[in-house]
Amino acid sequence: EAALADMALIPDVHWMDDPDWTACGGY
């Protein structure tokens, strides 16, 4: 339901772009 789409509910995975961490990834 679009009305419930709150960005605050996005899971916290800040390590992926945190300058204090170095990240790599894939699919």
PDB file of all heavy atoms in Angstrom:
ATOM      1  N   GLU A   1       0.842  -1.197   0.000  1.00  0.00           N
ATOM      2  CA  GLU A   1       0.000   0.000   0.000  1.00  0.00           C
ATOM      3  C   GLU A   1       0.877   1.247   0.000  1.00  0.00           C
ATOM      4  O   GLU A   1       1.669   1.472   0.926  1.00  0.00           O
ATOM      5  CB  GLU A   1      -0.901  -0.022   1.234  1.00  0.00           C
ATOM      6  CG  GLU A   1      -1.937   1.078   1.252  1.00  0.00           C
ATOM      7  CD  GLU A   1      -2.866   0.983   2.450  1.00  0.00           C
ATOM      8  OE1 GLU A   1      -2.900  -0.101   3.092  1.00  0.00           O
ATOM      9  OE2 GLU A   1      -3.536   1.988   2.748  1.00  0.00           O
ATOM     10  N   ALA A   2       0.723   2.054  -1.042  1.00  0.00           N
ATOM     11  CA  ALA A   2       1.626   3.187  -1.248  1.00  0.00           C
ATOM     12  C   ALA A   2       1.622   4.159  -0.071  1.00  0.00           C
ATOM     13  O   ALA A   2       2.661   4.733   0.278  1.00  0.00           O
ATOM     14  CB  ALA A   2       1.264   3.914  -2.536  1.00  0.00           C
ATOM     15  N   ALA A   3       0.476   4.360   0.562  1.00  0.00           N
ATOM     16  CA  ALA A   3       0.374   5.322   1.656  1.00  0.00           C
ATOM     17  C   ALA A   3       1.224   4.924   2.859  1.00  0.00           C
ATOM     18  O   ALA A   3       1.540   5.767   3.706  1.00  0.00           O
ATOM     19  CB  ALA A   3      -1.085   5.477   2.074  1.00  0.00           C
ATOM     20  N   LEU A   4       1.624   3.669   2.938  1.00  0.00           N
ATOM     21  CA  LEU A   4       2.406   3.187   4.080  1.00  0.00           C
ATOM     22  C   LEU A   4       3.910   3.196   3.803  1.00  0.00           C
ATOM     23  O   LEU A   4       4.702   2.811   4.671  1.00  0.00           O
ATOM     24  CB  LEU A   4       1.966   1.765   4.446  1.00  0.00           C
ATOM     25  CG  LEU A   4       0.493   1.587   4.838  1.00  0.00           C
ATOM     26  CD1 LEU A   4       0.194   0.122   5.130  1.00  0.00           C
ATOM     27  CD2 LEU A   4       0.136   2.461   6.034  1.00  0.00           C
ATOM     28  N   ALA A   5       4.307   3.650   2.637  1.00  0.00           N
ATOM     29  CA  ALA A   5       5.713   3.588   2.226  1.00  0.00           C
ATOM     30  C   ALA A   5       6.517   4.694   2.894  1.00  0.00           C
ATOM     31  O   ALA A   5       6.681   5.785   2.353  1.00  0.00           O
ATOM     32  CB  ALA A   5       5.821   3.684   0.710  1.00  0.00           C
ATOM     33  N   ASP A   6       7.053   4.399   4.051  1.00  0.00           N
ATOM     34  CA  ASP A   6       7.833   5.347   4.838  1.00  0.00           C
ATOM     35  C   ASP A   6       9.315   5.014   4.669  1.00  0.00           C
ATOM     36  O   ASP A   6       9.757   3.892   4.970  1.00  0.00           O
ATOM     37  CB  ASP A   6       7.415   5.229   6.303  1.00  0.00           C
ATOM     38  CG  ASP A   6       8.122   6.218   7.219  1.00  0.00           C
ATOM     39  OD1 ASP A   6       9.054   6.911   6.759  1.00  0.00           O
ATOM     40  OD2 ASP A   6       7.736   6.292   8.405  1.00  0.00           O
ATOM     41  N   MET A   7      10.124   5.993   4.219  1.00  0.00           N
ATOM     42  CA  MET A   7      11.541   5.725   4.018  1.00  0.00           C
ATOM     43  C   MET A   7      12.255   5.358   5.312  1.00  0.00           C
ATOM     44  O   MET A   7      13.316   4.736   5.284  1.00  0.00           O
ATOM     45  CB  MET A   7      12.223   6.925   3.363  1.00  0.00           C
ATOM     46  CG  MET A   7      11.935   7.061   1.875  1.00  0.00           C
ATOM     47  SD  MET A   7      12.975   8.306   1.068  1.00  0.00           S
ATOM     48  CE  MET A   7      14.620   7.610   1.281  1.00  0.00           C
ATOM     49  N   ALA A   8      11.692   5.745   6.440  1.00  0.00           N
ATOM     50  CA  ALA A   8      12.299   5.393   7.723  1.00  0.00           C
ATOM     51  C   ALA A   8      12.283   3.878   7.955  1.00  0.00           C
ATOM     52  O   ALA A   8      13.007   3.381   8.826  1.00  0.00           O
ATOM     53  CB  ALA A   8      11.577   6.103   8.860  1.00  0.00           C
ATOM     54  N   LEU A   9      11.477   3.160   7.186  1.00  0.00           N
ATOM     55  CA  LEU A   9      11.378   1.711   7.333  1.00  0.00           C
ATOM     56  C   LEU A   9      12.402   0.960   6.489  1.00  0.00           C
ATOM     57  O   LEU A   9      12.484  -0.266   6.560  1.00  0.00           O
ATOM     58  CB  LEU A   9       9.959   1.243   6.952  1.00  0.00           C
ATOM     59  CG  LEU A   9       8.820   1.802   7.812  1.00  0.00           C
ATOM     60  CD1 LEU A   9       7.475   1.336   7.268  1.00  0.00           C
ATOM     61  CD2 LEU A   9       8.989   1.393   9.270  1.00  0.00           C
ATOM     62  N   ILE A  10      13.195   1.681   5.695  1.00  0.00           N
ATOM     63  CA  ILE A  10      14.259   1.028   4.926  1.00  0.00           C
ATOM     64  C   ILE A  10      15.282   0.456   5.906  1.00  0.00           C
ATOM     65  O   ILE A  10      15.746   1.160   6.809  1.00  0.00           O
ATOM     66  CB  ILE A  10      14.926   2.017   3.959  1.00  0.00           C
ATOM     67  CG1 ILE A  10      13.938   2.418   2.857  1.00  0.00           C
ATOM     68  CG2 ILE A  10      16.185   1.417   3.343  1.00  0.00           C
ATOM     69  CD1 ILE A  10      14.472   3.465   1.904  1.00  0.00           C
ATOM     70  N   PRO A  11      15.645  -0.806   5.769  1.00  0.00           N
ATOM     71  CA  PRO A  11      16.617  -1.404   6.699  1.00  0.00           C
ATOM     72  C   PRO A  11      17.932  -0.626   6.729  1.00  0.00           C
ATOM     73  O   PRO A  11      18.417  -0.146   5.699  1.00  0.00           O
ATOM     74  CB  PRO A  11      16.829  -2.814   6.119  1.00  0.00           C
ATOM     75  CG  PRO A  11      15.568  -3.104   5.368  1.00  0.00           C
ATOM     76  CD  PRO A  11      15.129  -1.792   4.792  1.00  0.00           C
ATOM     77  N   ASP A  12      18.490  -0.504   7.905  1.00  0.00           N
ATOM     78  CA  ASP A  12      19.734   0.239   8.079  1.00  0.00           C
ATOM     79  C   ASP A  12      20.911  -0.619   7.632  1.00  0.00           C
ATOM     80  O   ASP A  12      21.328  -1.543   8.332  1.00  0.00           O
ATOM     81  CB  ASP A  12      19.896   0.649   9.542  1.00  0.00           C
ATOM     82  CG  ASP A  12      21.196   1.410   9.792  1.00  0.00           C
ATOM     83  OD1 ASP A  12      21.886   1.754   8.811  1.00  0.00           O
ATOM     84  OD2 ASP A  12      21.521   1.656  10.971  1.00  0.00           O
ATOM     85  N   VAL A  13      21.455  -0.296   6.460  1.00  0.00           N
ATOM     86  CA  VAL A  13      22.665  -0.958   5.969  1.00  0.00           C
ATOM     87  C   VAL A  13      23.677   0.125   5.591  1.00  0.00           C
ATOM     88  O   VAL A  13      24.307   0.095   4.536  1.00  0.00           O
ATOM     89  CB  VAL A  13      22.369  -1.915   4.795  1.00  0.00           C
ATOM     90  CG1 VAL A  13      21.572  -3.112   5.263  1.00  0.00           C
ATOM     91  CG2 VAL A  13      21.621  -1.211   3.665  1.00  0.00           C
ATOM     92  N   HIS A  14      23.823   1.104   6.487  1.00  0.00           N
ATOM     93  CA  HIS A  14      24.638   2.281   6.205  1.00  0.00           C
ATOM     94  C   HIS A  14      26.099   1.947   5.943  1.00  0.00           C
ATOM     95  O   HIS A  14      26.833   2.750   5.359  1.00  0.00           O
ATOM     96  CB  HIS A  14      24.550   3.275   7.371  1.00  0.00           C
ATOM     97  CG  HIS A  14      25.235   2.814   8.612  1.00  0.00           C
ATOM     98  ND1 HIS A  14      24.606   2.028   9.558  1.00  0.00           N
ATOM     99  CD2 HIS A  14      26.504   3.009   9.057  1.00  0.00           C
ATOM    100  CE1 HIS A  14      25.446   1.774  10.546  1.00  0.00           C
ATOM    101  NE2 HIS A  14      26.607   2.358  10.268  1.00  0.00           N
ATOM    102  N   TRP A  15      26.546   0.768   6.382  1.00  0.00           N
ATOM    103  CA  TRP A  15      27.941   0.382   6.170  1.00  0.00           C
ATOM    104  C   TRP A  15      28.308   0.377   4.679  1.00  0.00           C
ATOM    105  O   TRP A  15      29.474   0.512   4.325  1.00  0.00           O
ATOM    106  CB  TRP A  15      28.194  -1.005   6.763  1.00  0.00           C
ATOM    107  CG  TRP A  15      27.877  -1.084   8.211  1.00  0.00           C
ATOM    108  CD1 TRP A  15      28.697  -0.790   9.262  1.00  0.00           C
ATOM    109  CD2 TRP A  15      26.623  -1.483   8.793  1.00  0.00           C
ATOM    110  NE1 TRP A  15      28.046  -0.981  10.462  1.00  0.00           N
ATOM    111  CE2 TRP A  15      26.771  -1.407  10.202  1.00  0.00           C
ATOM    112  CE3 TRP A  15      25.403  -1.909   8.262  1.00  0.00           C
ATOM    113  CZ2 TRP A  15      25.751  -1.735  11.078  1.00  0.00           C
ATOM    114  CZ3 TRP A  15      24.382  -2.239   9.129  1.00  0.00           C
ATOM    115  CH2 TRP A  15      24.550  -2.150  10.524  1.00  0.00           C
ATOM    116  N   MET A  16      27.305   0.243   3.820  1.00  0.00           N
ATOM    117  CA  MET A  16      27.586   0.154   2.385  1.00  0.00           C
ATOM    118  C   MET A  16      28.109   1.468   1.810  1.00  0.00           C
ATOM    119  O   MET A  16      28.789   1.464   0.779  1.00  0.00           O
ATOM    120  CB  MET A  16      26.334  -0.297   1.626  1.00  0.00           C
ATOM    121  CG  MET A  16      25.915  -1.732   1.920  1.00  0.00           C
ATOM    122  SD  MET A  16      27.163  -2.955   1.475  1.00  0.00           S
ATOM    123  CE  MET A  16      27.199  -2.805  -0.310  1.00  0.00           C
ATOM    124  N   ASP A  17      27.778   2.608   2.435  1.00  0.00           N
ATOM    125  CA  ASP A  17      28.296   3.877   1.921  1.00  0.00           C
ATOM    126  C   ASP A  17      28.814   4.791   3.035  1.00  0.00           C
ATOM    127  O   ASP A  17      28.930   5.992   2.859  1.00  0.00           O
ATOM    128  CB  ASP A  17      27.251   4.603   1.067  1.00  0.00           C
ATOM    129  CG  ASP A  17      25.974   4.937   1.827  1.00  0.00           C
ATOM    130  OD1 ASP A  17      25.933   4.724   3.067  1.00  0.00           O
ATOM    131  OD2 ASP A  17      25.017   5.410   1.195  1.00  0.00           O
ATOM    132  N   ASP A  18      29.150   4.201   4.183  1.00  0.00           N
ATOM    133  CA  ASP A  18      29.697   4.945   5.305  1.00  0.00           C
ATOM    134  C   ASP A  18      31.193   5.193   5.067  1.00  0.00           C
ATOM    135  O   ASP A  18      31.946   4.245   4.806  1.00  0.00           O
ATOM    136  CB  ASP A  18      29.487   4.130   6.592  1.00  0.00           C
ATOM    137  CG  ASP A  18      29.825   4.898   7.855  1.00  0.00           C
ATOM    138  OD1 ASP A  18      30.818   5.654   7.839  1.00  0.00           O
ATOM    139  OD2 ASP A  18      29.105   4.734   8.853  1.00  0.00           O
ATOM    140  N   PRO A  19      31.666   6.444   5.155  1.00  0.00           N
ATOM    141  CA  PRO A  19      33.085   6.720   4.896  1.00  0.00           C
ATOM    142  C   PRO A  19      34.032   6.045   5.884  1.00  0.00           C
ATOM    143  O   PRO A  19      35.235   5.937   5.607  1.00  0.00           O
ATOM    144  CB  PRO A  19      33.172   8.246   4.984  1.00  0.00           C
ATOM    145  CG  PRO A  19      31.980   8.662   5.788  1.00  0.00           C
ATOM    146  CD  PRO A  19      30.909   7.685   5.445  1.00  0.00           C
ATOM    147  N   ASP A  20      33.528   5.601   7.027  1.00  0.00           N
ATOM    148  CA  ASP A  20      34.368   4.919   7.994  1.00  0.00           C
ATOM    149  C   ASP A  20      34.502   3.422   7.704  1.00  0.00           C
ATOM    150  O   ASP A  20      35.179   2.700   8.446  1.00  0.00           O
ATOM    151  CB  ASP A  20      33.827   5.115   9.411  1.00  0.00           C
ATOM    152  CG  ASP A  20      33.957   6.554   9.888  1.00  0.00           C
ATOM    153  OD1 ASP A  20      34.903   7.236   9.430  1.00  0.00           O
ATOM    154  OD2 ASP A  20      33.129   6.990  10.693  1.00  0.00           O
ATOM    155  N   TRP A  21      33.825   2.976   6.653  1.00  0.00           N
ATOM    156  CA  TRP A  21      33.878   1.567   6.257  1.00  0.00           C
ATOM    157  C   TRP A  21      34.192   1.492   4.761  1.00  0.00           C
ATOM    158  O   TRP A  21      33.882   2.417   4.010  1.00  0.00           O
ATOM    159  CB  TRP A  21      32.555   0.858   6.543  1.00  0.00           C
ATOM    160  CG  TRP A  21      32.228   0.747   8.005  1.00  0.00           C
ATOM    161  CD1 TRP A  21      31.831   1.757   8.838  1.00  0.00           C
ATOM    162  CD2 TRP A  21      32.282  -0.425   8.810  1.00  0.00           C
ATOM    163  NE1 TRP A  21      31.629   1.296  10.105  1.00  0.00           N
ATOM    164  CE2 TRP A  21      31.898  -0.057  10.122  1.00  0.00           C
ATOM    165  CE3 TRP A  21      32.597  -1.755   8.566  1.00  0.00           C
ATOM    166  CZ2 TRP A  21      31.833  -0.970  11.168  1.00  0.00           C
ATOM    167  CZ3 TRP A  21      32.531  -2.669   9.606  1.00  0.00           C
ATOM    168  CH2 TRP A  21      32.157  -2.273  10.888  1.00  0.00           C
ATOM    169  N   THR A  22      34.758   0.381   4.342  1.00  0.00           N
ATOM    170  CA  THR A  22      34.972   0.113   2.920  1.00  0.00           C
ATOM    171  C   THR A  22      34.143  -1.108   2.548  1.00  0.00           C
ATOM    172  O   THR A  22      34.228  -2.147   3.214  1.00  0.00           O
ATOM    173  CB  THR A  22      36.451  -0.147   2.615  1.00  0.00           C
ATOM    174  OG1 THR A  22      37.185   1.054   2.840  1.00  0.00           O
ATOM    175  CG2 THR A  22      36.642  -0.581   1.165  1.00  0.00           C
ATOM    176  N   ALA A  23      33.325  -0.965   1.503  1.00  0.00           N
ATOM    177  CA  ALA A  23      32.382  -2.021   1.156  1.00  0.00           C
ATOM    178  C   ALA A  23      32.555  -2.482  -0.288  1.00  0.00           C
ATOM    179  O   ALA A  23      32.996  -1.739  -1.162  1.00  0.00           O
ATOM    180  CB  ALA A  23      30.947  -1.528   1.366  1.00  0.00           C
ATOM    181  N   CYS A  24      32.186  -3.714  -0.518  1.00  0.00           N
ATOM    182  CA  CYS A  24      32.043  -4.273  -1.858  1.00  0.00           C
ATOM    183  C   CYS A  24      30.753  -5.072  -1.859  1.00  0.00           C
ATOM    184  O   CYS A  24      30.177  -5.339  -0.801  1.00  0.00           O
ATOM    185  CB  CYS A  24      33.243  -5.149  -2.227  1.00  0.00           C
ATOM    186  SG  CYS A  24      33.553  -6.503  -1.072  1.00  0.00           S
ATOM    187  N   GLY A  25      30.271  -5.446  -3.018  1.00  0.00           N
ATOM    188  CA  GLY A  25      29.006  -6.157  -3.052  1.00  0.00           C
ATOM    189  C   GLY A  25      28.777  -6.866  -4.359  1.00  0.00           C
ATOM    190  O   GLY A  25      29.603  -6.808  -5.282  1.00  0.00           O
ATOM    191  N   GLY A  26      27.636  -7.539  -4.448  1.00  0.00           N
ATOM    192  CA  GLY A  26      27.309  -8.273  -5.651  1.00  0.00           C
ATOM    193  C   GLY A  26      25.875  -8.764  -5.640  1.00  0.00           C
ATOM    194  O   GLY A  26      25.106  -8.474  -4.716  1.00  0.00           O
ATOM    195  N   TYR A  27      25.540  -9.511  -6.676  1.00  0.00           N
ATOM    196  CA  TYR A  27      24.164  -9.994  -6.881  1.00  0.00           C
ATOM    197  C   TYR A  27      24.204 -11.434  -7.371  1.00  0.00           C
ATOM    198  O   TYR A  27      25.046 -11.789  -8.210  1.00  0.00           O
ATOM    199  CB  TYR A  27      23.454  -9.117  -7.910  1.00  0.00           C
ATOM    200  CG  TYR A  27      22.168  -9.718  -8.453  1.00  0.00           C
ATOM    201  CD1 TYR A  27      20.974  -9.580  -7.752  1.00  0.00           C
ATOM    202  CD2 TYR A  27      22.149 -10.428  -9.651  1.00  0.00           C
ATOM    203  CE1 TYR A  27      19.793 -10.139  -8.233  1.00  0.00           C
ATOM    204  CE2 TYR A  27      20.978 -10.976 -10.141  1.00  0.00           C
ATOM    205  CZ  TYR A  27      19.803 -10.838  -9.437  1.00  0.00           C
ATOM    206  OH  TYR A  27      18.640 -11.393  -9.909  1.00  0.00           O
TER     207      TYR A  27
END
